[in-house]
Amino acid sequence: NHFSSLFHDYTGLTFSEFLSEKRMAAAKSLLGDLTLNISEVAFRVGYSDAGYFTRRFRQATGASPREWRENFAVSPR
């Protein structure tokens, strides 16, 4: 509890919010690798359930991982 309080005071975020932001940033980067499927991306950023990852990703970005990949990921040329 003390850690959580200090963490929030220092960052302005709860630890869970901070962790979620870091996971989503990593997921966005990994989605640029078209050799990885969505389940692999989910697992690599700490989610064991791809469906739950997809829901959390949509909440955070407004797009599904597939939509993000299609619209924002830069494919190698």
C-alpha atoms as a PDB file:
ATOM      1  CA  ASN A   1       0.000   0.000   0.000  1.00  0.00           C
ATOM      2  CA  HIS A   2       2.852   2.377   0.805  1.00  0.00           C
ATOM      3  CA  PHE A   3       4.496   1.634  -2.550  1.00  0.00           C
ATOM      4  CA  SER A   4       1.235   2.307  -4.394  1.00  0.00           C
ATOM      5  CA  SER A   5       0.823   5.632  -2.663  1.00  0.00           C
ATOM      6  CA  LEU A   6       4.398   6.738  -3.399  1.00  0.00           C
ATOM      7  CA  PHE A   7       4.155   5.521  -6.977  1.00  0.00           C
ATOM      8  CA  HIS A   8       0.958   7.489  -7.560  1.00  0.00           C
ATOM      9  CA  ASP A   9       2.408  10.611  -5.954  1.00  0.00           C
ATOM     10  CA  TYR A  10       5.504  10.390  -8.164  1.00  0.00           C
ATOM     11  CA  THR A  11       3.926   9.434 -11.504  1.00  0.00           C
ATOM     12  CA  GLY A  12       0.317  10.576 -11.228  1.00  0.00           C
ATOM     13  CA  LEU A  13      -0.737   7.064 -12.243  1.00  0.00           C
ATOM     14  CA  THR A  14      -1.586   3.938 -10.356  1.00  0.00           C
ATOM     15  CA  PHE A  15       0.852   1.082 -10.880  1.00  0.00           C
ATOM     16  CA  SER A  16      -1.816  -0.788 -12.877  1.00  0.00           C
ATOM     17  CA  GLU A  17      -2.342   2.208 -15.179  1.00  0.00           C
ATOM     18  CA  PHE A  18       1.407   2.572 -15.638  1.00  0.00           C
ATOM     19  CA  LEU A  19       1.824  -1.121 -16.440  1.00  0.00           C
ATOM     20  CA  SER A  20      -1.064  -1.043 -18.892  1.00  0.00           C
ATOM     21  CA  GLU A  21       0.423   1.973 -20.708  1.00  0.00           C
ATOM     22  CA  LYS A  22       3.797   0.232 -21.001  1.00  0.00           C
ATOM     23  CA  ARG A  23       2.171  -2.967 -22.282  1.00  0.00           C
ATOM     24  CA  MET A  24       0.147  -1.082 -24.898  1.00  0.00           C
ATOM     25  CA  ALA A  25       3.209   0.840 -26.093  1.00  0.00           C
ATOM     26  CA  ALA A  26       5.095  -2.453 -26.484  1.00  0.00           C
ATOM     27  CA  ALA A  27       2.095  -4.011 -28.251  1.00  0.00           C
ATOM     28  CA  LYS A  28       1.929  -1.141 -30.753  1.00  0.00           C
ATOM     29  CA  SER A  29       5.575  -1.676 -31.564  1.00  0.00           C
ATOM     30  CA  LEU A  30       5.221  -5.460 -31.878  1.00  0.00           C
ATOM     31  CA  LEU A  31       2.185  -5.117 -34.136  1.00  0.00           C
ATOM     32  CA  GLY A  32       4.545  -3.632 -36.697  1.00  0.00           C
ATOM     33  CA  ASP A  33       6.146  -7.072 -37.010  1.00  0.00           C
ATOM     34  CA  LEU A  34       3.837  -8.776 -39.470  1.00  0.00           C
ATOM     35  CA  THR A  35       5.397 -12.173 -38.746  1.00  0.00           C
ATOM     36  CA  LEU A  36       3.755 -12.156 -35.288  1.00  0.00           C
ATOM     37  CA  ASN A  37       0.078 -12.989 -34.935  1.00  0.00           C
ATOM     38  CA  ILE A  38      -2.109 -11.154 -32.430  1.00  0.00           C
ATOM     39  CA  SER A  39      -1.924 -14.002 -29.891  1.00  0.00           C
ATOM     40  CA  GLU A  40       1.880 -13.872 -29.970  1.00  0.00           C
ATOM     41  CA  VAL A  41       1.839 -10.108 -29.439  1.00  0.00           C
ATOM     42  CA  ALA A  42      -0.580 -10.534 -26.529  1.00  0.00           C
ATOM     43  CA  PHE A  43       1.634 -13.156 -24.906  1.00  0.00           C
ATOM     44  CA  ARG A  44       4.809 -11.114 -25.372  1.00  0.00           C
ATOM     45  CA  VAL A  45       3.327  -8.096 -23.601  1.00  0.00           C
ATOM     46  CA  GLY A  46       1.997 -10.134 -20.688  1.00  0.00           C
ATOM     47  CA  TYR A  47      -1.522 -11.270 -21.574  1.00  0.00           C
ATOM     48  CA  SER A  48      -2.319 -14.993 -21.639  1.00  0.00           C
ATOM     49  CA  ASP A  49      -5.756 -14.427 -23.206  1.00  0.00           C
ATOM     50  CA  ALA A  50      -5.751 -12.855 -26.680  1.00  0.00           C
ATOM     51  CA  GLY A  51      -9.419 -11.905 -26.392  1.00  0.00           C
ATOM     52  CA  TYR A  52      -8.805  -9.980 -23.173  1.00  0.00           C
ATOM     53  CA  PHE A  53      -5.755  -8.334 -24.750  1.00  0.00           C
ATOM     54  CA  THR A  54      -7.883  -7.274 -27.729  1.00  0.00           C
ATOM     55  CA  ARG A  55     -10.520  -5.713 -25.439  1.00  0.00           C
ATOM     56  CA  ARG A  56      -7.878  -3.855 -23.405  1.00  0.00           C
ATOM     57  CA  PHE A  57      -6.086  -2.701 -26.569  1.00  0.00           C
ATOM     58  CA  ARG A  58      -9.343  -1.348 -28.020  1.00  0.00           C
ATOM     59  CA  GLN A  59     -10.081   0.481 -24.747  1.00  0.00           C
ATOM     60  CA  ALA A  60      -6.625   2.058 -24.789  1.00  0.00           C
ATOM     61  CA  THR A  61      -6.412   2.974 -28.479  1.00  0.00           C
ATOM     62  CA  GLY A  62      -9.918   2.979 -29.914  1.00  0.00           C
ATOM     63  CA  ALA A  63      -8.910   0.317 -32.448  1.00  0.00           C
ATOM     64  CA  SER A  64      -8.506  -3.433 -32.365  1.00  0.00           C
ATOM     65  CA  PRO A  65      -4.977  -4.796 -32.748  1.00  0.00           C
ATOM     66  CA  ARG A  66      -5.838  -5.856 -36.327  1.00  0.00           C
ATOM     67  CA  GLU A  67      -7.195  -2.393 -37.148  1.00  0.00           C
ATOM     68  CA  TRP A  68      -4.132  -0.791 -35.560  1.00  0.00           C
ATOM     69  CA  ARG A  69      -1.854  -3.009 -37.623  1.00  0.00           C
ATOM     70  CA  GLU A  70      -3.715  -2.210 -40.846  1.00  0.00           C
ATOM     71  CA  ASN A  71      -3.900   1.540 -40.292  1.00  0.00           C
ATOM     72  CA  PHE A  72      -0.871   2.522 -38.234  1.00  0.00           C
ATOM     73  CA  ALA A  73       1.817  -0.121 -38.408  1.00  0.00           C
ATOM     74  CA  VAL A  74       4.521   0.580 -40.940  1.00  0.00           C
ATOM     75  CA  SER A  75       5.219  -2.502 -42.984  1.00  0.00           C
ATOM     76  CA  PRO A  76       8.776  -3.147 -44.147  1.00  0.00           C
ATOM     77  CA  ARG A  77       9.416  -2.428 -47.799  1.00  0.00           C
END
